[in-house]
Amino acid sequence: MVLVISNILDAETAKSFREKAGKLKWRDGRITAGATAKSAKRNEQANLSNGPGRAFRDALAEIVSSHPVLNAAARPRRFSNLMVSRTADNGHYGPHVDNAIMGKDGARFRTDLSFTLFLTPPETYEGGELIIHTSGAAQSLKEEAGSLILYPTSEIHEVAPVTRGVRMACVGWIESLIADTAQRDLLFDLENLRASMRERSSEQSAELLTLDKTIANLLRMWATP
């Protein structure tokens, strides 16, 4: 499932992060690419390991990791450190697959889901679409600043060349409590049904209690805490 979550950041918050990002130090994005992806990557990446960069990363991570829709869809077990990329002057990130395992030593984790959070308004740059190749088709996505795209890390994806302006985006990865995509999607459907039922049913209704029990028991069956 490819899911677009609008307004993770409102317009003013997205603008504030853009302004802060302009003051960060940037470096060649190939430094952080895997061996296979390195040859396809032509962008810059912000240094988020120092004081200002770390504060920027932590503030953005807190917003992303606490969003209820993302949590319902992803069932996060852990998040990667965020990265912020800047692409301009025909920069791009050609077709590639992200590493299945990231991190080092005790911090290693499985990448089940990837996300891209757009920080720049789409009308300020040309190109730069996130293209996700799924089952022989390709989805081309270019969202409003503050919107996030969540998608399976297992899919081939790319960023089209930016031919005008500057594209800035935050990217990250999630290890889910539910490794199986179909199971995760089913739980998300049930969560959406539960939210809808709560608007018109009592919390103690037999139907809602049965749904609560079903979701809880599926989590017991499938989750890996």
C-alpha atoms as a PDB file:
ATOM      1  CA  MET A   1       0.000   0.000   0.000  1.00  0.00           C
ATOM      2  CA  VAL A   2       1.153   3.495  -0.869  1.00  0.00           C
ATOM      3  CA  LEU A   3      -0.444   5.989   1.515  1.00  0.00           C
ATOM      4  CA  VAL A   4      -0.432   9.789   1.296  1.00  0.00           C
ATOM      5  CA  ILE A   5      -0.921  11.480   4.686  1.00  0.00           C
ATOM      6  CA  SER A   6      -1.690  15.167   4.289  1.00  0.00           C
ATOM      7  CA  ASN A   7      -0.749  17.921   6.742  1.00  0.00           C
ATOM      8  CA  ILE A   8       1.763  16.067   8.876  1.00  0.00           C
ATOM      9  CA  LEU A   9       3.122  19.631   9.055  1.00  0.00           C
ATOM     10  CA  ASP A  10       0.887  22.644   8.578  1.00  0.00           C
ATOM     11  CA  ALA A  11       2.042  25.348   6.147  1.00  0.00           C
ATOM     12  CA  GLU A  12       3.672  27.537   8.800  1.00  0.00           C
ATOM     13  CA  THR A  13       5.506  24.629  10.435  1.00  0.00           C
ATOM     14  CA  ALA A  14       6.777  23.401   7.070  1.00  0.00           C
ATOM     15  CA  LYS A  15       8.020  26.923   6.300  1.00  0.00           C
ATOM     16  CA  SER A  16       9.778  27.087   9.663  1.00  0.00           C
ATOM     17  CA  PHE A  17      11.596  23.807   8.995  1.00  0.00           C
ATOM     18  CA  ARG A  18      12.642  25.028   5.533  1.00  0.00           C
ATOM     19  CA  GLU A  19      14.121  28.180   7.026  1.00  0.00           C
ATOM     20  CA  LYS A  20      15.995  26.191   9.659  1.00  0.00           C
ATOM     21  CA  ALA A  21      17.247  23.737   7.026  1.00  0.00           C
ATOM     22  CA  GLY A  22      18.734  26.621   5.063  1.00  0.00           C
ATOM     23  CA  LYS A  23      21.123  27.236   7.962  1.00  0.00           C
ATOM     24  CA  LEU A  24      22.346  23.638   8.195  1.00  0.00           C
ATOM     25  CA  LYS A  25      25.535  22.286   6.683  1.00  0.00           C
ATOM     26  CA  TRP A  26      25.098  20.175   3.544  1.00  0.00           C
ATOM     27  CA  ARG A  27      27.229  17.459   1.940  1.00  0.00           C
ATOM     28  CA  ASP A  28      27.197  15.104  -1.044  1.00  0.00           C
ATOM     29  CA  GLY A  29      24.286  12.685  -0.624  1.00  0.00           C
ATOM     30  CA  ARG A  30      26.297   9.755  -1.942  1.00  0.00           C
ATOM     31  CA  ILE A  31      28.099   9.575   1.418  1.00  0.00           C
ATOM     32  CA  THR A  32      25.057   7.931   3.011  1.00  0.00           C
ATOM     33  CA  ALA A  33      23.951   5.781   0.059  1.00  0.00           C
ATOM     34  CA  GLY A  34      24.377   2.016  -0.011  1.00  0.00           C
ATOM     35  CA  ALA A  35      26.834   0.445  -2.422  1.00  0.00           C
ATOM     36  CA  THR A  36      24.209  -0.221  -5.105  1.00  0.00           C
ATOM     37  CA  ALA A  37      22.349   3.084  -4.769  1.00  0.00           C
ATOM     38  CA  LYS A  38      25.472   5.262  -4.641  1.00  0.00           C
ATOM     39  CA  SER A  39      25.837   5.434  -8.427  1.00  0.00           C
ATOM     40  CA  ALA A  40      22.189   6.541  -8.824  1.00  0.00           C
ATOM     41  CA  LYS A  41      22.203   9.313  -6.221  1.00  0.00           C
ATOM     42  CA  ARG A  42      22.804  12.969  -7.102  1.00  0.00           C
ATOM     43  CA  ASN A  43      21.660  15.231  -4.289  1.00  0.00           C
ATOM     44  CA  GLU A  44      22.804  16.877  -1.069  1.00  0.00           C
ATOM     45  CA  GLN A  45      22.127  15.784   2.470  1.00  0.00           C
ATOM     46  CA  ALA A  46      21.990  17.884   5.621  1.00  0.00           C
ATOM     47  CA  ASN A  47      24.407  17.147   8.437  1.00  0.00           C
ATOM     48  CA  LEU A  48      22.055  16.265  11.309  1.00  0.00           C
ATOM     49  CA  SER A  49      24.715  14.973  13.693  1.00  0.00           C
ATOM     50  CA  ASN A  50      25.761  18.308  15.232  1.00  0.00           C
ATOM     51  CA  GLY A  51      23.859  20.602  17.628  1.00  0.00           C
ATOM     52  CA  PRO A  52      21.559  22.523  15.234  1.00  0.00           C
ATOM     53  CA  GLY A  53      21.178  19.513  12.943  1.00  0.00           C
ATOM     54  CA  ARG A  54      20.328  17.201  15.820  1.00  0.00           C
ATOM     55  CA  ALA A  55      17.752  19.629  17.189  1.00  0.00           C
ATOM     56  CA  PHE A  56      16.199  19.906  13.721  1.00  0.00           C
ATOM     57  CA  ARG A  57      16.097  16.109  13.355  1.00  0.00           C
ATOM     58  CA  ASP A  58      14.651  15.484  16.807  1.00  0.00           C
ATOM     59  CA  ALA A  59      11.914  18.088  16.436  1.00  0.00           C
ATOM     60  CA  LEU A  60      10.846  16.680  13.081  1.00  0.00           C
ATOM     61  CA  ALA A  61      11.056  13.087  14.336  1.00  0.00           C
ATOM     62  CA  GLU A  62       8.758  13.882  17.265  1.00  0.00           C
ATOM     63  CA  ILE A  63       6.069  15.203  14.915  1.00  0.00           C
ATOM     64  CA  VAL A  64       6.333  12.294  12.466  1.00  0.00           C
ATOM     65  CA  SER A  65       6.473   9.511  15.058  1.00  0.00           C
ATOM     66  CA  SER A  66       3.453  10.812  16.999  1.00  0.00           C
ATOM     67  CA  HIS A  67       1.080  11.149  14.040  1.00  0.00           C
ATOM     68  CA  PRO A  68      -1.963   8.889  14.635  1.00  0.00           C
ATOM     69  CA  VAL A  69      -2.590   7.910  11.005  1.00  0.00           C
ATOM     70  CA  LEU A  70       1.039   6.978  10.427  1.00  0.00           C
ATOM     71  CA  ASN A  71       1.031   4.923  13.617  1.00  0.00           C
ATOM     72  CA  ALA A  72      -2.155   3.114  12.620  1.00  0.00           C
ATOM     73  CA  ALA A  73      -0.826   2.321   9.149  1.00  0.00           C
ATOM     74  CA  ALA A  74       2.768   1.439  10.044  1.00  0.00           C
ATOM     75  CA  ARG A  75       2.502  -0.070  13.547  1.00  0.00           C
ATOM     76  CA  PRO A  76       6.064   1.161  14.238  1.00  0.00           C
ATOM     77  CA  ARG A  77       8.462  -0.875  16.329  1.00  0.00           C
ATOM     78  CA  ARG A  78      11.284   1.567  15.717  1.00  0.00           C
ATOM     79  CA  PHE A  79      12.172   4.501  13.471  1.00  0.00           C
ATOM     80  CA  SER A  80      15.459   5.195  11.746  1.00  0.00           C
ATOM     81  CA  ASN A  81      17.221   8.501  12.211  1.00  0.00           C
ATOM     82  CA  LEU A  82      15.729  10.961   9.761  1.00  0.00           C
ATOM     83  CA  MET A  83      17.603  12.314   6.754  1.00  0.00           C
ATOM     84  CA  VAL A  84      16.936  15.574   4.937  1.00  0.00           C
ATOM     85  CA  SER A  85      17.838  15.851   1.271  1.00  0.00           C
ATOM     86  CA  ARG A  86      18.109  18.817  -1.085  1.00  0.00           C
ATOM     87  CA  THR A  87      17.934  18.304  -4.842  1.00  0.00           C
ATOM     88  CA  ALA A  88      18.481  20.930  -7.580  1.00  0.00           C
ATOM     89  CA  ASP A  89      20.268  21.537 -10.913  1.00  0.00           C
ATOM     90  CA  ASN A  90      19.053  18.288 -12.535  1.00  0.00           C
ATOM     91  CA  GLY A  91      19.927  16.336  -9.410  1.00  0.00           C
ATOM     92  CA  HIS A  92      17.993  13.112  -8.985  1.00  0.00           C
ATOM     93  CA  TYR A  93      17.991   9.688  -7.339  1.00  0.00           C
ATOM     94  CA  GLY A  94      17.686   6.997  -9.988  1.00  0.00           C
ATOM     95  CA  PRO A  95      15.782   3.708  -9.597  1.00  0.00           C
ATOM     96  CA  HIS A  96      17.007   1.792  -6.557  1.00  0.00           C
ATOM     97  CA  VAL A  97      16.000  -0.433  -3.652  1.00  0.00           C
ATOM     98  CA  ASP A  98      16.851   0.607  -0.096  1.00  0.00           C
ATOM     99  CA  ASN A  99      18.867  -1.704   2.143  1.00  0.00           C
ATOM    100  CA  ALA A 100      16.803  -4.395   3.861  1.00  0.00           C
ATOM    101  CA  ILE A 101      18.816  -4.020   7.074  1.00  0.00           C
ATOM    102  CA  MET A 102      20.079  -0.669   8.345  1.00  0.00           C
ATOM    103  CA  GLY A 103      21.998   0.499  11.398  1.00  0.00           C
ATOM    104  CA  LYS A 104      25.016  -0.930  13.132  1.00  0.00           C
ATOM    105  CA  ASP A 105      25.662  -3.435  15.910  1.00  0.00           C
ATOM    106  CA  GLY A 106      22.834  -3.382  18.476  1.00  0.00           C
ATOM    107  CA  ALA A 107      20.970  -0.676  16.557  1.00  0.00           C
ATOM    108  CA  ARG A 108      20.397  -2.804  13.442  1.00  0.00           C
ATOM    109  CA  PHE A 109      16.804  -2.981  12.244  1.00  0.00           C
ATOM    110  CA  ARG A 110      14.718  -4.325   9.359  1.00  0.00           C
ATOM    111  CA  THR A 111      13.299  -1.763   6.919  1.00  0.00           C
ATOM    112  CA  ASP A 112       9.629  -2.550   6.316  1.00  0.00           C
ATOM    113  CA  LEU A 113       8.370   0.902   5.350  1.00  0.00           C
ATOM    114  CA  SER A 114       9.882   4.049   3.879  1.00  0.00           C
ATOM    115  CA  PHE A 115       8.496   7.559   4.026  1.00  0.00           C
ATOM    116  CA  THR A 116       9.101  10.849   2.275  1.00  0.00           C
ATOM    117  CA  LEU A 117       7.921  14.073   3.919  1.00  0.00           C
ATOM    118  CA  PHE A 118       7.848  16.965   1.441  1.00  0.00           C
ATOM    119  CA  LEU A 119       9.176  20.252   2.844  1.00  0.00           C
ATOM    120  CA  THR A 120       8.990  22.500  -0.235  1.00  0.00           C
ATOM    121  CA  PRO A 121       5.769  23.560  -2.041  1.00  0.00           C
ATOM    122  CA  PRO A 122       5.422  21.699  -5.375  1.00  0.00           C
ATOM    123  CA  GLU A 123       4.950  24.902  -7.374  1.00  0.00           C
ATOM    124  CA  THR A 124       8.438  26.123  -6.402  1.00  0.00           C
ATOM    125  CA  TYR A 125      10.285  23.438  -8.369  1.00  0.00           C
ATOM    126  CA  GLU A 126       9.876  21.354 -11.521  1.00  0.00           C
ATOM    127  CA  GLY A 127      10.413  17.608 -11.577  1.00  0.00           C
ATOM    128  CA  GLY A 128      11.366  15.891  -8.342  1.00  0.00           C
ATOM    129  CA  GLU A 129       8.456  13.465  -8.327  1.00  0.00           C
ATOM    130  CA  LEU A 130       8.776  10.407  -6.107  1.00  0.00           C
ATOM    131  CA  ILE A 131       8.157   7.481  -8.460  1.00  0.00           C
ATOM    132  CA  ILE A 132       7.262   4.131  -6.875  1.00  0.00           C
ATOM    133  CA  HIS A 133       7.259   1.039  -9.079  1.00  0.00           C
ATOM    134  CA  THR A 134       4.627  -1.454  -7.925  1.00  0.00           C
ATOM    135  CA  SER A 135       3.466  -4.630  -9.712  1.00  0.00           C
ATOM    136  CA  GLY A 136       4.507  -3.495 -13.161  1.00  0.00           C
ATOM    137  CA  ALA A 137       3.051   0.007 -12.728  1.00  0.00           C
ATOM    138  CA  ALA A 138       4.578   3.269 -11.582  1.00  0.00           C
ATOM    139  CA  GLN A 139       3.042   5.876  -9.278  1.00  0.00           C
ATOM    140  CA  SER A 140       4.371   9.411  -9.640  1.00  0.00           C
ATOM    141  CA  LEU A 141       3.789  11.545  -6.555  1.00  0.00           C
ATOM    142  CA  LYS A 142       4.567  15.188  -5.828  1.00  0.00           C
ATOM    143  CA  GLU A 143       2.752  16.387  -2.747  1.00  0.00           C
ATOM    144  CA  GLU A 144       2.167  19.628  -0.881  1.00  0.00           C
ATOM    145  CA  ALA A 145       4.723  20.788   1.676  1.00  0.00           C
ATOM    146  CA  GLY A 146       3.954  19.003   4.931  1.00  0.00           C
ATOM    147  CA  SER A 147       2.481  15.880   3.310  1.00  0.00           C
ATOM    148  CA  LEU A 148       4.042  12.454   3.807  1.00  0.00           C
ATOM    149  CA  ILE A 149       4.118   9.408   1.539  1.00  0.00           C
ATOM    150  CA  LEU A 150       4.389   6.015   3.258  1.00  0.00           C
ATOM    151  CA  TYR A 151       5.271   3.002   1.118  1.00  0.00           C
ATOM    152  CA  PRO A 152       6.832  -0.475   1.343  1.00  0.00           C
ATOM    153  CA  THR A 153      10.624  -0.353   1.347  1.00  0.00           C
ATOM    154  CA  SER A 154      10.599  -3.495  -0.799  1.00  0.00           C
ATOM    155  CA  GLU A 155       9.539  -1.508  -3.875  1.00  0.00           C
ATOM    156  CA  ILE A 156      11.880  -0.008  -6.470  1.00  0.00           C
ATOM    157  CA  HIS A 157      11.599   3.772  -6.318  1.00  0.00           C
ATOM    158  CA  GLU A 158      13.301   6.918  -7.605  1.00  0.00           C
ATOM    159  CA  VAL A 159      13.268  10.710  -7.509  1.00  0.00           C
ATOM    160  CA  ALA A 160      12.896  12.349 -10.924  1.00  0.00           C
ATOM    161  CA  PRO A 161      15.413  15.049 -11.943  1.00  0.00           C
ATOM    162  CA  VAL A 162      14.714  18.506 -10.517  1.00  0.00           C
ATOM    163  CA  THR A 163      14.961  20.809 -13.528  1.00  0.00           C
ATOM    164  CA  ARG A 164      14.026  24.080 -11.816  1.00  0.00           C
ATOM    165  CA  GLY A 165      14.103  25.280  -8.236  1.00  0.00           C
ATOM    166  CA  VAL A 166      14.992  23.217  -5.170  1.00  0.00           C
ATOM    167  CA  ARG A 167      13.268  20.143  -3.774  1.00  0.00           C
ATOM    168  CA  MET A 168      13.736  19.557  -0.060  1.00  0.00           C
ATOM    169  CA  ALA A 169      12.384  16.464   1.671  1.00  0.00           C
ATOM    170  CA  CYS A 170      12.794  14.420   4.824  1.00  0.00           C
ATOM    171  CA  VAL A 171      13.133  10.645   4.457  1.00  0.00           C
ATOM    172  CA  GLY A 172      13.173   7.796   6.943  1.00  0.00           C
ATOM    173  CA  TRP A 173      12.471   4.120   7.511  1.00  0.00           C
ATOM    174  CA  ILE A 174      10.316   2.113   9.891  1.00  0.00           C
ATOM    175  CA  GLU A 175      10.590  -1.372  11.281  1.00  0.00           C
ATOM    176  CA  SER A 176       7.021  -2.446  11.941  1.00  0.00           C
ATOM    177  CA  LEU A 177       5.646  -4.629  14.697  1.00  0.00           C
ATOM    178  CA  ILE A 178       3.863  -6.399  11.831  1.00  0.00           C
ATOM    179  CA  ALA A 179       6.379  -7.587   9.223  1.00  0.00           C
ATOM    180  CA  ASP A 180       3.778  -8.879   6.755  1.00  0.00           C
ATOM    181  CA  THR A 181       2.384  -6.175   4.458  1.00  0.00           C
ATOM    182  CA  ALA A 182      -1.025  -7.830   3.971  1.00  0.00           C
ATOM    183  CA  GLN A 183      -1.514  -8.238   7.723  1.00  0.00           C
ATOM    184  CA  ARG A 184      -0.507  -4.627   8.328  1.00  0.00           C
ATOM    185  CA  ASP A 185      -2.945  -3.396   5.665  1.00  0.00           C
ATOM    186  CA  LEU A 186      -5.766  -5.480   7.150  1.00  0.00           C
ATOM    187  CA  LEU A 187      -5.166  -3.995  10.607  1.00  0.00           C
ATOM    188  CA  PHE A 188      -5.190  -0.485   9.097  1.00  0.00           C
ATOM    189  CA  ASP A 189      -8.565  -1.203   7.455  1.00  0.00           C
ATOM    190  CA  LEU A 190      -9.931  -2.393  10.799  1.00  0.00           C
ATOM    191  CA  GLU A 191      -8.575   0.715  12.577  1.00  0.00           C
ATOM    192  CA  ASN A 192     -10.337   2.937  10.046  1.00  0.00           C
ATOM    193  CA  LEU A 193     -13.541   0.959  10.583  1.00  0.00           C
ATOM    194  CA  ARG A 194     -13.180   1.342  14.360  1.00  0.00           C
ATOM    195  CA  ALA A 195     -12.702   5.115  14.051  1.00  0.00           C
ATOM    196  CA  SER A 196     -15.841   5.338  11.912  1.00  0.00           C
ATOM    197  CA  MET A 197     -17.877   3.208  14.312  1.00  0.00           C
ATOM    198  CA  ARG A 198     -16.835   5.309  17.302  1.00  0.00           C
ATOM    199  CA  GLU A 199     -18.500   8.316  15.693  1.00  0.00           C
ATOM    200  CA  ARG A 200     -21.906   6.626  15.716  1.00  0.00           C
ATOM    201  CA  SER A 201     -21.766   3.863  18.335  1.00  0.00           C
ATOM    202  CA  SER A 202     -21.332   3.655  22.080  1.00  0.00           C
ATOM    203  CA  GLU A 203     -17.920   2.514  23.330  1.00  0.00           C
ATOM    204  CA  GLN A 204     -19.783  -0.323  25.074  1.00  0.00           C
ATOM    205  CA  SER A 205     -21.721  -1.459  22.019  1.00  0.00           C
ATOM    206  CA  ALA A 206     -21.397  -5.180  21.261  1.00  0.00           C
ATOM    207  CA  GLU A 207     -20.171  -4.455  17.732  1.00  0.00           C
ATOM    208  CA  LEU A 208     -17.423  -2.074  18.819  1.00  0.00           C
ATOM    209  CA  LEU A 209     -16.292  -4.334  21.656  1.00  0.00           C
ATOM    210  CA  THR A 210     -16.071  -7.253  19.228  1.00  0.00           C
ATOM    211  CA  LEU A 211     -13.998  -5.156  16.856  1.00  0.00           C
ATOM    212  CA  ASP A 212     -11.710  -4.089  19.724  1.00  0.00           C
ATOM    213  CA  LYS A 213     -11.238  -7.744  20.632  1.00  0.00           C
ATOM    214  CA  THR A 214     -10.532  -8.743  17.030  1.00  0.00           C
ATOM    215  CA  ILE A 215      -7.858  -6.080  16.542  1.00  0.00           C
ATOM    216  CA  ALA A 216      -6.228  -6.938  19.872  1.00  0.00           C
ATOM    217  CA  ASN A 217      -6.170 -10.662  19.107  1.00  0.00           C
ATOM    218  CA  LEU A 218      -4.756 -10.151  15.616  1.00  0.00           C
ATOM    219  CA  LEU A 219      -1.986  -8.062  17.164  1.00  0.00           C
ATOM    220  CA  ARG A 220      -1.281 -10.896  19.605  1.00  0.00           C
ATOM    221  CA  MET A 221      -1.044 -13.336  16.703  1.00  0.00           C
ATOM    222  CA  TRP A 222       1.077 -11.223  14.368  1.00  0.00           C
ATOM    223  CA  ALA A 223       3.092  -8.652  16.291  1.00  0.00           C
ATOM    224  CA  THR A 224       6.781  -9.002  17.135  1.00  0.00           C
ATOM    225  CA  PRO A 225       7.398  -6.554  20.007  1.00  0.00           C
END
